[in-house]
């Protein structure tokens, strides 16, 4: 199995990442996509991946950062991202992400226009580099689909990470050529909207992820998540 989105390199998992990888292997999970959220954590991915080639890297600037940093800082991050992808400052990533839009809080909603500019610039970079994108979309499905349809995806495609889209919206993402990935949220009996959406995703477009250490599947929630719990998500999808 392949955990298509996790944060083994992050500050909350770094101290036990080695043990988590071993437990994942024992559970049948043998590859991991490390999801980038900010320029300062890309190098942490590279360190972990240098010791574990089964860890793949993605570099991106997460939309949740936007309320907390200046536009000048965002521009500096974008310059660092371009240098990491094109100038060899870091090993070339396998994807660009997490990128996208997030209006879950009033603070994030207030900077939506800045988020859109950041998203579009990272999409353009992904198209130029022909790297797939890892999309973070929370309470912003309509805005995201509008931008994707207007600007276009890279030829390499991408994935809607931790999908919370309805069945109808999921079909729109699929029509764009995206893959769709589900987390431990799908193990909750109350997640009926996500269950319905998952049933409509063709197997060749279906991915699974832990988003560790977040979104722990039942019955292990609210403990921290880790890739060894990925089989619970696969089992739930199989039942659906």
Protein backbone atom coordinates (compact mmCIF):
# COMPACT_ATOMS: atom_id res chain seq x y z
CA UNK A 1 0.00 0.00 0.00
CA UNK A 2 0.99 3.61 -0.65
CA UNK A 3 0.14 6.41 1.79
CA UNK A 4 -0.47 9.21 -0.71
CA UNK A 5 -0.29 12.02 1.88
CA UNK A 6 1.40 12.20 5.28
CA UNK A 7 3.66 14.43 7.38
CA UNK A 8 6.26 12.03 8.77
CA UNK A 9 8.84 14.80 8.43
CA UNK A 10 6.79 17.35 10.40
CA UNK A 11 7.65 18.61 13.87
CA UNK A 12 4.86 16.57 15.46
CA UNK A 13 6.10 13.24 14.02
CA UNK A 14 9.83 13.75 13.51
CA UNK A 15 10.86 12.22 16.82
CA UNK A 16 9.16 8.89 16.06
CA UNK A 17 9.18 8.88 12.24
CA UNK A 18 11.59 5.92 12.08
CA UNK A 19 9.38 3.82 14.36
CA UNK A 20 6.27 4.87 12.42
CA UNK A 21 7.86 3.74 9.15
CA UNK A 22 8.68 0.36 10.68
CA UNK A 23 5.12 -0.07 11.96
CA UNK A 24 3.80 0.92 8.54
CA UNK A 25 5.95 -1.73 6.84
CA UNK A 26 4.60 -4.35 9.24
CA UNK A 27 1.07 -3.25 8.25
CA UNK A 28 1.81 -3.53 4.52
CA UNK A 29 2.39 0.16 3.79
CA UNK A 30 5.66 0.49 1.88
CA UNK A 31 5.67 3.97 0.27
CA UNK A 32 4.81 7.45 1.49
CA UNK A 33 4.22 10.87 -0.07
CA UNK A 34 5.53 13.55 2.26
CA UNK A 35 3.33 16.64 1.88
CA UNK A 36 5.03 20.03 1.94
CA UNK A 37 3.38 22.99 3.62
CA UNK A 38 6.09 25.67 3.91
CA UNK A 39 9.61 26.39 2.72
CA UNK A 40 11.18 25.58 6.08
CA UNK A 41 9.91 21.98 6.06
CA UNK A 42 11.02 21.00 2.53
CA UNK A 43 14.57 20.32 3.74
CA UNK A 44 13.19 18.11 6.52
CA UNK A 45 11.50 16.00 3.83
CA UNK A 46 14.78 15.69 1.96
CA UNK A 47 16.59 14.49 5.09
CA UNK A 48 13.99 11.80 5.77
CA UNK A 49 13.84 10.74 2.10
CA UNK A 50 17.62 10.47 1.92
CA UNK A 51 17.45 7.79 4.60
CA UNK A 52 14.23 6.23 3.28
CA UNK A 53 13.94 6.18 -0.55
CA UNK A 54 10.38 4.92 -0.13
CA UNK A 55 9.50 8.48 0.99
CA UNK A 56 8.62 10.81 -1.90
CA UNK A 57 8.68 14.60 -1.56
CA UNK A 58 6.29 17.38 -2.51
CA UNK A 59 7.06 21.07 -2.06
CA UNK A 60 4.30 23.61 -1.65
CA UNK A 61 3.00 26.64 0.24
CA UNK A 62 -0.15 25.80 2.20
CA UNK A 63 -3.10 28.22 1.98
CA UNK A 64 -3.53 28.15 5.76
CA UNK A 65 -0.26 30.11 6.07
CA UNK A 66 -1.67 33.13 4.28
CA UNK A 67 -3.35 34.90 7.27
CA UNK A 68 -0.15 34.69 9.32
CA UNK A 69 2.50 36.00 6.91
CA UNK A 70 2.97 39.12 4.84
CA UNK A 71 2.65 39.18 1.07
CA UNK A 72 6.40 39.92 0.94
CA UNK A 73 7.07 36.71 2.88
CA UNK A 74 4.80 34.78 0.51
CA UNK A 75 6.73 36.17 -2.47
CA UNK A 76 9.97 35.04 -0.83
CA UNK A 77 8.50 31.56 -0.35
CA UNK A 78 7.47 31.45 -4.01
CA UNK A 79 11.00 32.38 -5.03
CA UNK A 80 12.32 29.58 -2.81
CA UNK A 81 9.85 27.15 -4.36
CA UNK A 82 10.95 28.06 -7.88
CA UNK A 83 14.60 27.68 -6.87
CA UNK A 84 13.89 24.29 -5.28
CA UNK A 85 12.12 23.03 -8.40
CA UNK A 86 14.27 24.51 -11.16
CA UNK A 87 17.65 25.55 -9.72
CA UNK A 88 18.63 22.38 -7.92
CA UNK A 89 18.74 23.95 -4.45
CA UNK A 90 16.93 20.82 -3.29
CA UNK A 91 16.30 17.49 -5.03
CA UNK A 92 13.50 17.81 -7.56
CA UNK A 93 10.16 16.96 -5.91
CA UNK A 94 7.66 14.41 -7.20
CA UNK A 95 4.77 16.90 -6.82
CA UNK A 96 3.83 20.48 -5.98
CA UNK A 97 1.71 20.68 -2.86
CA UNK A 98 -0.09 21.16 -0.64
CA UNK A 99 -1.57 24.05 -2.57
CA UNK A 100 -5.14 25.29 -2.83
CA UNK A 101 -7.81 27.33 -1.07
CA UNK A 102 -9.20 27.27 2.47
CA UNK A 103 -12.02 29.42 3.91
CA UNK A 104 -12.76 27.29 6.96
CA UNK A 105 -12.20 30.21 9.37
CA UNK A 106 -13.09 33.89 9.09
CA UNK A 107 -9.37 34.74 9.12
CA UNK A 108 -8.70 32.52 6.11
CA UNK A 109 -11.81 33.74 4.30
CA UNK A 110 -10.66 37.36 4.72
CA UNK A 111 -7.48 36.65 2.70
CA UNK A 112 -9.13 34.57 -0.02
CA UNK A 113 -7.92 36.83 -2.83
CA UNK A 114 -4.32 36.49 -1.65
CA UNK A 115 -4.82 32.72 -1.42
CA UNK A 116 -6.08 32.71 -5.01
CA UNK A 117 -2.97 34.55 -6.26
CA UNK A 118 -0.72 32.16 -4.37
CA UNK A 119 -2.62 29.16 -5.71
CA UNK A 120 -2.50 30.37 -9.31
CA UNK A 121 1.24 31.07 -9.14
CA UNK A 122 1.93 27.59 -7.80
CA UNK A 123 -0.35 26.03 -10.42
CA UNK A 124 1.59 27.90 -13.11
CA UNK A 125 4.87 26.64 -11.69
CA UNK A 126 3.53 23.06 -11.68
CA UNK A 127 2.46 23.40 -15.32
CA UNK A 128 5.89 24.78 -16.25
CA UNK A 129 7.66 21.94 -14.43
CA UNK A 130 5.04 19.36 -15.50
CA UNK A 131 4.70 18.10 -11.95
CA UNK A 132 1.42 16.84 -10.48
CA UNK A 133 -0.31 18.95 -7.85
CA UNK A 134 -1.59 18.00 -4.41
CA UNK A 135 -4.68 20.08 -3.70
CA UNK A 136 -5.90 21.21 -0.29
CA UNK A 137 -9.49 22.43 -0.60
CA UNK A 138 -11.57 23.24 2.48
CA UNK A 139 -14.87 25.13 2.25
CA UNK A 140 -13.75 26.50 -1.11
CA UNK A 141 -14.82 23.94 -3.72
CA UNK A 142 -16.51 26.40 -6.08
CA UNK A 143 -13.62 28.86 -6.07
CA UNK A 144 -11.13 26.05 -6.62
CA UNK A 145 -12.99 24.48 -9.53
CA UNK A 146 -13.39 27.90 -11.15
CA UNK A 147 -9.63 28.52 -11.01
CA UNK A 148 -8.72 25.02 -12.19
CA UNK A 149 -11.07 25.30 -15.17
CA UNK A 150 -9.76 28.76 -16.05
CA UNK A 151 -6.03 28.19 -15.58
CA UNK A 152 -5.69 24.46 -16.23
CA UNK A 153 -3.81 21.64 -14.53
CA UNK A 154 -0.33 20.39 -15.41
CA UNK A 155 -0.27 17.53 -17.91
CA UNK A 156 0.95 15.36 -15.02
CA UNK A 157 -2.43 15.88 -13.32
CA UNK A 158 -2.83 15.78 -9.57
CA UNK A 159 -4.91 14.70 -6.61
CA UNK A 160 -7.65 16.22 -4.48
CA UNK A 161 -6.23 15.44 -1.05
CA UNK A 162 -8.51 14.62 1.90
CA UNK A 163 -11.58 15.05 -0.24
CA UNK A 164 -14.66 16.48 1.43
CA UNK A 165 -16.43 17.27 -1.85
CA UNK A 166 -19.97 16.10 -2.53
CA UNK A 167 -20.61 13.41 -5.12
CA UNK A 168 -21.59 16.04 -7.71
CA UNK A 169 -18.48 18.16 -7.10
CA UNK A 170 -16.29 15.06 -7.06
CA UNK A 171 -17.49 14.28 -10.58
CA UNK A 172 -16.32 17.75 -11.63
CA UNK A 173 -12.84 17.11 -10.25
CA UNK A 174 -12.78 13.75 -12.03
CA UNK A 175 -13.76 15.41 -15.32
CA UNK A 176 -10.70 17.61 -14.96
CA UNK A 177 -8.57 14.45 -14.80
CA UNK A 178 -7.75 14.56 -11.10
CA UNK A 179 -7.37 11.64 -8.71
CA UNK A 180 -9.34 11.77 -5.45
CA UNK A 181 -7.93 10.72 -2.08
CA UNK A 182 -9.73 9.82 1.15
CA UNK A 183 -8.57 9.91 4.78
CA UNK A 184 -9.63 8.36 8.07
CA UNK A 185 -12.70 10.60 8.09
CA UNK A 186 -14.30 8.01 5.83
CA UNK A 187 -14.34 5.51 8.72
CA UNK A 188 -16.90 7.66 10.57
CA UNK A 189 -20.50 6.38 10.15
CA UNK A 190 -21.70 10.00 10.06
CA UNK A 191 -19.55 10.88 6.99
CA UNK A 192 -22.39 10.03 4.60
CA UNK A 193 -21.60 12.74 2.05
CA UNK A 194 -18.03 11.47 1.72
CA UNK A 195 -19.24 7.85 1.52
CA UNK A 196 -21.51 8.74 -1.39
CA UNK A 197 -18.72 10.61 -3.16
CA UNK A 198 -16.25 7.75 -2.70
CA UNK A 199 -18.63 5.24 -4.26
CA UNK A 200 -18.55 7.26 -7.47
CA UNK A 201 -14.76 7.40 -7.89
CA UNK A 202 -13.39 4.89 -10.43
CA UNK A 203 -10.77 2.57 -8.96
CA UNK A 204 -8.06 3.90 -11.28
CA UNK A 205 -8.62 7.41 -9.86
CA UNK A 206 -8.96 6.40 -6.20
CA UNK A 207 -6.19 7.08 -3.66
CA UNK A 208 -5.92 6.64 0.09
CA UNK A 209 -3.96 8.60 2.67
CA UNK A 210 -3.57 9.03 6.40
CA UNK A 211 -2.66 12.76 6.52
CA UNK A 212 -0.75 11.62 9.61
CA UNK A 213 -0.65 12.77 12.33
CA UNK A 214 -4.17 14.15 11.68
CA UNK A 215 -7.53 12.62 10.68
CA UNK A 216 -7.08 9.40 12.64
CA UNK A 217 -9.44 6.59 11.55
CA UNK A 218 -11.83 4.90 13.95
CA UNK A 219 -11.47 3.20 16.39
CA UNK A 220 -8.10 4.90 17.09
CA UNK A 221 -9.29 8.53 17.17
CA UNK A 222 -8.50 10.86 18.88
CA UNK A 223 -4.98 9.44 19.15
CA UNK A 224 -2.37 10.72 16.65
CA UNK A 225 -2.59 9.13 13.22
CA UNK A 226 0.22 7.25 11.45
CA UNK A 227 0.66 5.35 8.17
CA UNK A 228 0.26 1.95 9.85
CA UNK A 229 -3.46 2.75 10.14
CA UNK A 230 -3.91 3.10 6.37
CA UNK A 231 -5.43 -0.43 6.03
CA UNK A 232 -8.47 0.74 8.02
CA UNK A 233 -9.20 3.32 5.31
CA UNK A 234 -8.73 0.73 2.56
CA UNK A 235 -11.08 -1.67 4.36
CA UNK A 236 -13.75 1.01 4.73
CA UNK A 237 -13.56 1.86 1.04
CA UNK A 238 -13.80 -1.84 0.18
CA UNK A 239 -17.01 -2.12 2.22
CA UNK A 240 -18.45 0.97 0.56
